[in-house]
Amino acid sequence: MSWLEAEKFALKAKLVELTADDALIFLPGLNNSLKWPRQQLPPSLKAGDEFWLQIVSAETRELAQASLRRDILSELMR
């Protein structure tokens, strides 16, 4: 079973940037960045903070999968 198929998992993450709606986070273990809904992150996080990004629901797991697929496709199309 891959990490994307797990019921609940966490990834080490680093907050890169915050906007009004989204956060840009870097996932060192995957060497990848993705946008994440800001309201799903602790409000105390600041740019540069490291934290564990917990993926616990099908909705957030699908968001992570879709973002990673977009990143992979954009890399392949370069």
PDB file of N, CA and C in Angstrom:
ATOM      1  N   MET A   1       0.850  -1.179   0.000  1.00  0.00           N
ATOM      2  CA  MET A   1       0.000   0.000   0.000  1.00  0.00           C
ATOM      3  C   MET A   1       0.892   1.238   0.000  1.00  0.00           C
ATOM      4  N   SER A   2       0.616   2.190  -0.877  1.00  0.00           N
ATOM      5  CA  SER A   2       1.397   3.422  -0.932  1.00  0.00           C
ATOM      6  C   SER A   2       0.889   4.409   0.110  1.00  0.00           C
ATOM      7  N   TRP A   3       1.670   5.455   0.353  1.00  0.00           N
ATOM      8  CA  TRP A   3       1.261   6.451   1.346  1.00  0.00           C
ATOM      9  C   TRP A   3      -0.019   7.160   0.924  1.00  0.00           C
ATOM     10  N   LEU A   4      -0.300   7.247  -0.381  1.00  0.00           N
ATOM     11  CA  LEU A   4      -1.526   7.909  -0.833  1.00  0.00           C
ATOM     12  C   LEU A   4      -2.759   7.039  -0.621  1.00  0.00           C
ATOM     13  N   GLU A   5      -2.569   5.749  -0.365  1.00  0.00           N
ATOM     14  CA  GLU A   5      -3.701   4.853  -0.139  1.00  0.00           C
ATOM     15  C   GLU A   5      -4.001   4.663   1.347  1.00  0.00           C
ATOM     16  N   ALA A   6      -3.172   5.190   2.205  1.00  0.00           N
ATOM     17  CA  ALA A   6      -3.356   5.005   3.648  1.00  0.00           C
ATOM     18  C   ALA A   6      -4.583   5.770   4.133  1.00  0.00           C
ATOM     19  N   GLU A   7      -5.216   5.266   5.180  1.00  0.00           N
ATOM     20  CA  GLU A   7      -6.368   5.948   5.777  1.00  0.00           C
ATOM     21  C   GLU A   7      -5.947   7.253   6.430  1.00  0.00           C
ATOM     22  N   LYS A   8      -4.807   7.226   7.100  1.00  0.00           N
ATOM     23  CA  LYS A   8      -4.322   8.406   7.807  1.00  0.00           C
ATOM     24  C   LYS A   8      -2.806   8.403   7.723  1.00  0.00           C
ATOM     25  N   PHE A   9      -2.240   9.524   7.354  1.00  0.00           N
ATOM     26  CA  PHE A   9      -0.794   9.614   7.304  1.00  0.00           C
ATOM     27  C   PHE A   9      -0.383  11.059   7.519  1.00  0.00           C
ATOM     28  N   ALA A  10       0.880  11.285   7.767  1.00  0.00           N
ATOM     29  CA  ALA A  10       1.411  12.630   7.958  1.00  0.00           C
ATOM     30  C   ALA A  10       2.714  12.747   7.182  1.00  0.00           C
ATOM     31  N   LEU A  11       2.927  13.921   6.640  1.00  0.00           N
ATOM     32  CA  LEU A  11       4.147  14.200   5.903  1.00  0.00           C
ATOM     33  C   LEU A  11       4.849  15.383   6.549  1.00  0.00           C
ATOM     34  N   LYS A  12       6.164  15.315   6.650  1.00  0.00           N
ATOM     35  CA  LYS A  12       6.932  16.452   7.141  1.00  0.00           C
ATOM     36  C   LYS A  12       6.787  17.557   6.104  1.00  0.00           C
ATOM     37  N   ALA A  13       6.482  18.771   6.555  1.00  0.00           N
ATOM     38  CA  ALA A  13       6.247  19.880   5.638  1.00  0.00           C
ATOM     39  C   ALA A  13       6.899  21.148   6.172  1.00  0.00           C
ATOM     40  N   LYS A  14       7.140  22.079   5.268  1.00  0.00           N
ATOM     41  CA  LYS A  14       7.669  23.389   5.641  1.00  0.00           C
ATOM     42  C   LYS A  14       6.804  24.444   4.968  1.00  0.00           C
ATOM     43  N   LEU A  15       6.328  25.392   5.763  1.00  0.00           N
ATOM     44  CA  LEU A  15       5.494  26.460   5.220  1.00  0.00           C
ATOM     45  C   LEU A  15       6.386  27.457   4.493  1.00  0.00           C
ATOM     46  N   VAL A  16       6.135  27.660   3.214  1.00  0.00           N
ATOM     47  CA  VAL A  16       6.946  28.558   2.404  1.00  0.00           C
ATOM     48  C   VAL A  16       6.318  29.939   2.349  1.00  0.00           C
ATOM     49  N   GLU A  17       5.010  30.001   2.070  1.00  0.00           N
ATOM     50  CA  GLU A  17       4.350  31.289   1.860  1.00  0.00           C
ATOM     51  C   GLU A  17       2.862  31.167   2.176  1.00  0.00           C
ATOM     52  N   LEU A  18       2.304  32.247   2.707  1.00  0.00           N
ATOM     53  CA  LEU A  18       0.865  32.312   2.973  1.00  0.00           C
ATOM     54  C   LEU A  18       0.232  33.381   2.096  1.00  0.00           C
ATOM     55  N   THR A  19      -0.935  33.078   1.537  1.00  0.00           N
ATOM     56  CA  THR A  19      -1.756  34.080   0.864  1.00  0.00           C
ATOM     57  C   THR A  19      -3.071  34.163   1.631  1.00  0.00           C
ATOM     58  N   ALA A  20      -3.998  34.955   1.150  1.00  0.00           N
ATOM     59  CA  ALA A  20      -5.280  35.098   1.843  1.00  0.00           C
ATOM     60  C   ALA A  20      -6.019  33.765   1.946  1.00  0.00           C
ATOM     61  N   ASP A  21      -5.937  32.945   0.915  1.00  0.00           N
ATOM     62  CA  ASP A  21      -6.701  31.693   0.881  1.00  0.00           C
ATOM     63  C   ASP A  21      -5.859  30.430   0.968  1.00  0.00           C
ATOM     64  N   ASP A  22      -4.634  30.496   0.489  1.00  0.00           N
ATOM     65  CA  ASP A  22      -3.815  29.296   0.354  1.00  0.00           C
ATOM     66  C   ASP A  22      -2.491  29.423   1.095  1.00  0.00           C
ATOM     67  N   ALA A  23      -1.848  28.294   1.225  1.00  0.00           N
ATOM     68  CA  ALA A  23      -0.487  28.239   1.751  1.00  0.00           C
ATOM     69  C   ALA A  23       0.340  27.422   0.770  1.00  0.00           C
ATOM     70  N   LEU A  24       1.540  27.878   0.500  1.00  0.00           N
ATOM     71  CA  LEU A  24       2.469  27.096  -0.306  1.00  0.00           C
ATOM     72  C   LEU A  24       3.349  26.340   0.672  1.00  0.00           C
ATOM     73  N   ILE A  25       3.306  25.020   0.587  1.00  0.00           N
ATOM     74  CA  ILE A  25       4.099  24.198   1.498  1.00  0.00           C
ATOM     75  C   ILE A  25       5.051  23.323   0.692  1.00  0.00           C
ATOM     76  N   PHE A  26       6.203  23.073   1.282  1.00  0.00           N
ATOM     77  CA  PHE A  26       7.219  22.221   0.668  1.00  0.00           C
ATOM     78  C   PHE A  26       7.262  20.912   1.433  1.00  0.00           C
ATOM     79  N   LEU A  27       7.259  19.812   0.705  1.00  0.00           N
ATOM     80  CA  LEU A  27       7.316  18.474   1.291  1.00  0.00           C
ATOM     81  C   LEU A  27       8.700  17.895   1.003  1.00  0.00           C
ATOM     82  N   PRO A  28       9.644  18.026   1.948  1.00  0.00           N
ATOM     83  CA  PRO A  28      11.016  17.577   1.689  1.00  0.00           C
ATOM     84  C   PRO A  28      11.124  16.097   1.326  1.00  0.00           C
ATOM     85  N   GLY A  29      10.324  15.255   1.940  1.00  0.00           N
ATOM     86  CA  GLY A  29      10.394  13.824   1.657  1.00  0.00           C
ATOM     87  C   GLY A  29      10.031  13.482   0.225  1.00  0.00           C
ATOM     88  N   LEU A  30       9.218  14.329  -0.390  1.00  0.00           N
ATOM     89  CA  LEU A  30       8.815  14.114  -1.783  1.00  0.00           C
ATOM     90  C   LEU A  30       9.530  15.064  -2.731  1.00  0.00           C
ATOM     91  N   ASN A  31      10.321  15.995  -2.160  1.00  0.00           N
ATOM     92  CA  ASN A  31      10.989  17.036  -2.935  1.00  0.00           C
ATOM     93  C   ASN A  31       9.985  17.737  -3.851  1.00  0.00           C
ATOM     94  N   ASN A  32       8.872  18.160  -3.255  1.00  0.00           N
ATOM     95  CA  ASN A  32       7.776  18.740  -4.021  1.00  0.00           C
ATOM     96  C   ASN A  32       7.078  19.804  -3.192  1.00  0.00           C
ATOM     97  N   SER A  33       6.500  20.792  -3.861  1.00  0.00           N
ATOM     98  CA  SER A  33       5.698  21.818  -3.201  1.00  0.00           C
ATOM     99  C   SER A  33       4.268  21.713  -3.689  1.00  0.00           C
ATOM    100  N   LEU A  34       3.336  22.157  -2.858  1.00  0.00           N
ATOM    101  CA  LEU A  34       1.943  22.201  -3.282  1.00  0.00           C
ATOM    102  C   LEU A  34       1.192  23.283  -2.528  1.00  0.00           C
ATOM    103  N   LYS A  35       0.097  23.726  -3.131  1.00  0.00           N
ATOM    104  CA  LYS A  35      -0.791  24.686  -2.470  1.00  0.00           C
ATOM    105  C   LYS A  35      -1.762  23.920  -1.600  1.00  0.00           C
ATOM    106  N   TRP A  36      -2.084  24.501  -0.440  1.00  0.00           N
ATOM    107  CA  TRP A  36      -2.964  23.860   0.517  1.00  0.00           C
ATOM    108  C   TRP A  36      -3.920  24.908   1.046  1.00  0.00           C
ATOM    109  N   PRO A  37      -5.179  24.570   1.282  1.00  0.00           N
ATOM    110  CA  PRO A  37      -6.115  25.553   1.846  1.00  0.00           C
ATOM    111  C   PRO A  37      -5.606  26.066   3.202  1.00  0.00           C
ATOM    112  N   ARG A  38      -5.493  27.374   3.309  1.00  0.00           N
ATOM    113  CA  ARG A  38      -4.950  27.979   4.529  1.00  0.00           C
ATOM    114  C   ARG A  38      -5.757  27.610   5.768  1.00  0.00           C
ATOM    115  N   GLN A  39      -7.085  27.522   5.631  1.00  0.00           N
ATOM    116  CA  GLN A  39      -7.930  27.237   6.794  1.00  0.00           C
ATOM    117  C   GLN A  39      -7.711  25.839   7.350  1.00  0.00           C
ATOM    118  N   GLN A  40      -7.025  24.961   6.613  1.00  0.00           N
ATOM    119  CA  GLN A  40      -6.745  23.611   7.109  1.00  0.00           C
ATOM    120  C   GLN A  40      -5.411  23.526   7.853  1.00  0.00           C
ATOM    121  N   LEU A  41      -4.733  24.661   8.005  1.00  0.00           N
ATOM    122  CA  LEU A  41      -3.464  24.693   8.725  1.00  0.00           C
ATOM    123  C   LEU A  41      -3.632  25.446  10.038  1.00  0.00           C
ATOM    124  N   PRO A  42      -2.810  25.144  11.037  1.00  0.00           N
ATOM    125  CA  PRO A  42      -2.889  25.888  12.298  1.00  0.00           C
ATOM    126  C   PRO A  42      -2.634  27.378  12.062  1.00  0.00           C
ATOM    127  N   PRO A  43      -3.432  28.260  12.662  1.00  0.00           N
ATOM    128  CA  PRO A  43      -3.286  29.699  12.418  1.00  0.00           C
ATOM    129  C   PRO A  43      -1.967  30.274  12.927  1.00  0.00           C
ATOM    130  N   SER A  44      -1.293  29.578  13.814  1.00  0.00           N
ATOM    131  CA  SER A  44      -0.045  30.099  14.383  1.00  0.00           C
ATOM    132  C   SER A  44       1.167  29.896  13.468  1.00  0.00           C
ATOM    133  N   LEU A  45       1.020  29.140  12.386  1.00  0.00           N
ATOM    134  CA  LEU A  45       2.159  28.878  11.498  1.00  0.00           C
ATOM    135  C   LEU A  45       2.599  30.141  10.775  1.00  0.00           C
ATOM    136  N   LYS A  46       3.925  30.280  10.643  1.00  0.00           N
ATOM    137  CA  LYS A  46       4.521  31.388   9.904  1.00  0.00           C
ATOM    138  C   LYS A  46       5.435  30.816   8.828  1.00  0.00           C
ATOM    139  N   ALA A  47       5.744  31.636   7.827  1.00  0.00           N
ATOM    140  CA  ALA A  47       6.657  31.197   6.772  1.00  0.00           C
ATOM    141  C   ALA A  47       7.963  30.719   7.394  1.00  0.00           C
ATOM    142  N   GLY A  48       8.437  29.574   6.936  1.00  0.00           N
ATOM    143  CA  GLY A  48       9.667  28.985   7.442  1.00  0.00           C
ATOM    144  C   GLY A  48       9.447  27.922   8.504  1.00  0.00           C
ATOM    145  N   ASP A  49       8.244  27.879   9.093  1.00  0.00           N
ATOM    146  CA  ASP A  49       7.944  26.879  10.122  1.00  0.00           C
ATOM    147  C   ASP A  49       7.861  25.484   9.510  1.00  0.00           C
ATOM    148  N   GLU A  50       8.390  24.498  10.240  1.00  0.00           N
ATOM    149  CA  GLU A  50       8.243  23.099   9.852  1.00  0.00           C
ATOM    150  C   GLU A  50       7.163  22.464  10.713  1.00  0.00           C
ATOM    151  N   PHE A  51       6.407  21.541  10.127  1.00  0.00           N
ATOM    152  CA  PHE A  51       5.305  20.907  10.846  1.00  0.00           C
ATOM    153  C   PHE A  51       4.972  19.588  10.164  1.00  0.00           C
ATOM    154  N   TRP A  52       4.113  18.806  10.813  1.00  0.00           N
ATOM    155  CA  TRP A  52       3.613  17.564  10.225  1.00  0.00           C
ATOM    156  C   TRP A  52       2.265  17.853   9.582  1.00  0.00           C
ATOM    157  N   LEU A  53       2.163  17.666   8.282  1.00  0.00           N
ATOM    158  CA  LEU A  53       0.913  17.837   7.553  1.00  0.00           C
ATOM    159  C   LEU A  53       0.158  16.521   7.640  1.00  0.00           C
ATOM    160  N   GLN A  54      -0.951  16.531   8.361  1.00  0.00           N
ATOM    161  CA  GLN A  54      -1.720  15.302   8.541  1.00  0.00           C
ATOM    162  C   GLN A  54      -2.819  15.213   7.493  1.00  0.00           C
ATOM    163  N   ILE A  55      -2.875  14.082   6.852  1.00  0.00           N
ATOM    164  CA  ILE A  55      -3.884  13.795   5.837  1.00  0.00           C
ATOM    165  C   ILE A  55      -4.789  12.737   6.450  1.00  0.00           C
ATOM    166  N   VAL A  56      -6.035  13.113   6.750  1.00  0.00           N
ATOM    167  CA  VAL A  56      -6.887  12.169   7.466  1.00  0.00           C
ATOM    168  C   VAL A  56      -8.200  11.861   6.761  1.00  0.00           C
ATOM    169  N   SER A  57      -8.597  12.653   5.800  1.00  0.00           N
ATOM    170  CA  SER A  57      -9.886  12.391   5.163  1.00  0.00           C
ATOM    171  C   SER A  57      -9.696  12.120   3.677  1.00  0.00           C
ATOM    172  N   ALA A  58     -10.678  11.517   3.084  1.00  0.00           N
ATOM    173  CA  ALA A  58     -10.621  11.246   1.647  1.00  0.00           C
ATOM    174  C   ALA A  58     -10.504  12.546   0.865  1.00  0.00           C
ATOM    175  N   GLU A  59     -11.181  13.602   1.322  1.00  0.00           N
ATOM    176  CA  GLU A  59     -11.157  14.883   0.608  1.00  0.00           C
ATOM    177  C   GLU A  59      -9.750  15.470   0.586  1.00  0.00           C
ATOM    178  N   THR A  60      -9.080  15.512   1.727  1.00  0.00           N
ATOM    179  CA  THR A  60      -7.735  16.080   1.749  1.00  0.00           C
ATOM    180  C   THR A  60      -6.738  15.165   1.052  1.00  0.00           C
ATOM    181  N   ARG A  61      -6.946  13.873   1.121  1.00  0.00           N
ATOM    182  CA  ARG A  61      -6.075  12.937   0.407  1.00  0.00           C
ATOM    183  C   ARG A  61      -6.219  13.160  -1.100  1.00  0.00           C
ATOM    184  N   GLU A  62      -7.446  13.364  -1.567  1.00  0.00           N
ATOM    185  CA  GLU A  62      -7.670  13.628  -2.990  1.00  0.00           C
ATOM    186  C   GLU A  62      -7.022  14.935  -3.410  1.00  0.00           C
ATOM    187  N   LEU A  63      -7.069  15.950  -2.544  1.00  0.00           N
ATOM    188  CA  LEU A  63      -6.425  17.229  -2.835  1.00  0.00           C
ATOM    189  C   LEU A  63      -4.921  17.034  -3.012  1.00  0.00           C
ATOM    190  N   ALA A  64      -4.306  16.266  -2.126  1.00  0.00           N
ATOM    191  CA  ALA A  64      -2.867  16.003  -2.226  1.00  0.00           C
ATOM    192  C   ALA A  64      -2.549  15.235  -3.503  1.00  0.00           C
ATOM    193  N   GLN A  65      -3.345  14.230  -3.816  1.00  0.00           N
ATOM    194  CA  GLN A  65      -3.120  13.440  -5.026  1.00  0.00           C
ATOM    195  C   GLN A  65      -3.236  14.310  -6.268  1.00  0.00           C
ATOM    196  N   ALA A  66      -4.268  15.141  -6.339  1.00  0.00           N
ATOM    197  CA  ALA A  66      -4.484  15.988  -7.509  1.00  0.00           C
ATOM    198  C   ALA A  66      -3.338  16.976  -7.679  1.00  0.00           C
ATOM    199  N   SER A  67      -2.894  17.567  -6.595  1.00  0.00           N
ATOM    200  CA  SER A  67      -1.800  18.524  -6.667  1.00  0.00           C
ATOM    201  C   SER A  67      -0.515  17.854  -7.139  1.00  0.00           C
ATOM    202  N   LEU A  68      -0.222  16.686  -6.610  1.00  0.00           N
ATOM    203  CA  LEU A  68       0.984  15.972  -7.029  1.00  0.00           C
ATOM    204  C   LEU A  68       0.891  15.535  -8.488  1.00  0.00           C
ATOM    205  N   ARG A  69      -0.290  15.099  -8.920  1.00  0.00           N
ATOM    206  CA  ARG A  69      -0.459  14.714 -10.331  1.00  0.00           C
ATOM    207  C   ARG A  69      -0.225  15.913 -11.245  1.00  0.00           C
ATOM    208  N   ARG A  70      -0.761  17.087 -10.869  1.00  0.00           N
ATOM    209  CA  ARG A  70      -0.548  18.292 -11.682  1.00  0.00           C
ATOM    210  C   ARG A  70       0.932  18.623 -11.766  1.00  0.00           C
ATOM    211  N   ASP A  71       1.627  18.533 -10.632  1.00  0.00           N
ATOM    212  CA  ASP A  71       3.057  18.833 -10.616  1.00  0.00           C
ATOM    213  C   ASP A  71       3.836  17.861 -11.493  1.00  0.00           C
ATOM    214  N   ILE A  72       3.506  16.590 -11.414  1.00  0.00           N
ATOM    215  CA  ILE A  72       4.197  15.585 -12.222  1.00  0.00           C
ATOM    216  C   ILE A  72       3.928  15.823 -13.702  1.00  0.00           C
ATOM    217  N   LEU A  73       2.673  16.096 -14.054  1.00  0.00           N
ATOM    218  CA  LEU A  73       2.338  16.355 -15.458  1.00  0.00           C
ATOM    219  C   LEU A  73       3.044  17.596 -15.981  1.00  0.00           C
ATOM    220  N   SER A  74       3.096  18.653 -15.176  1.00  0.00           N
ATOM    221  CA  SER A  74       3.764  19.870 -15.638  1.00  0.00           C
ATOM    222  C   SER A  74       5.255  19.626 -15.843  1.00  0.00           C
ATOM    223  N   GLU A  75       5.873  18.799 -14.995  1.00  0.00           N
ATOM    224  CA  GLU A  75       7.289  18.455 -15.171  1.00  0.00           C
ATOM    225  C   GLU A  75       7.491  17.642 -16.451  1.00  0.00           C
ATOM    226  N   LEU A  76       6.588  16.721 -16.728  1.00  0.00           N
ATOM    227  CA  LEU A  76       6.716  15.888 -17.921  1.00  0.00           C
ATOM    228  C   LEU A  76       6.531  16.690 -19.202  1.00  0.00           C
ATOM    229  N   MET A  77       5.734  17.753 -19.133  1.00  0.00           N
ATOM    230  CA  MET A  77       5.445  18.543 -20.327  1.00  0.00           C
ATOM    231  C   MET A  77       6.519  19.587 -20.604  1.00  0.00           C
ATOM    232  N   ARG A  78       7.485  19.737 -19.720  1.00  0.00           N
ATOM    233  CA  ARG A  78       8.560  20.728 -19.944  1.00  0.00           C
ATOM    234  C   ARG A  78       9.476  20.320 -21.051  1.00  0.00           C
TER     235      ARG A  78
END
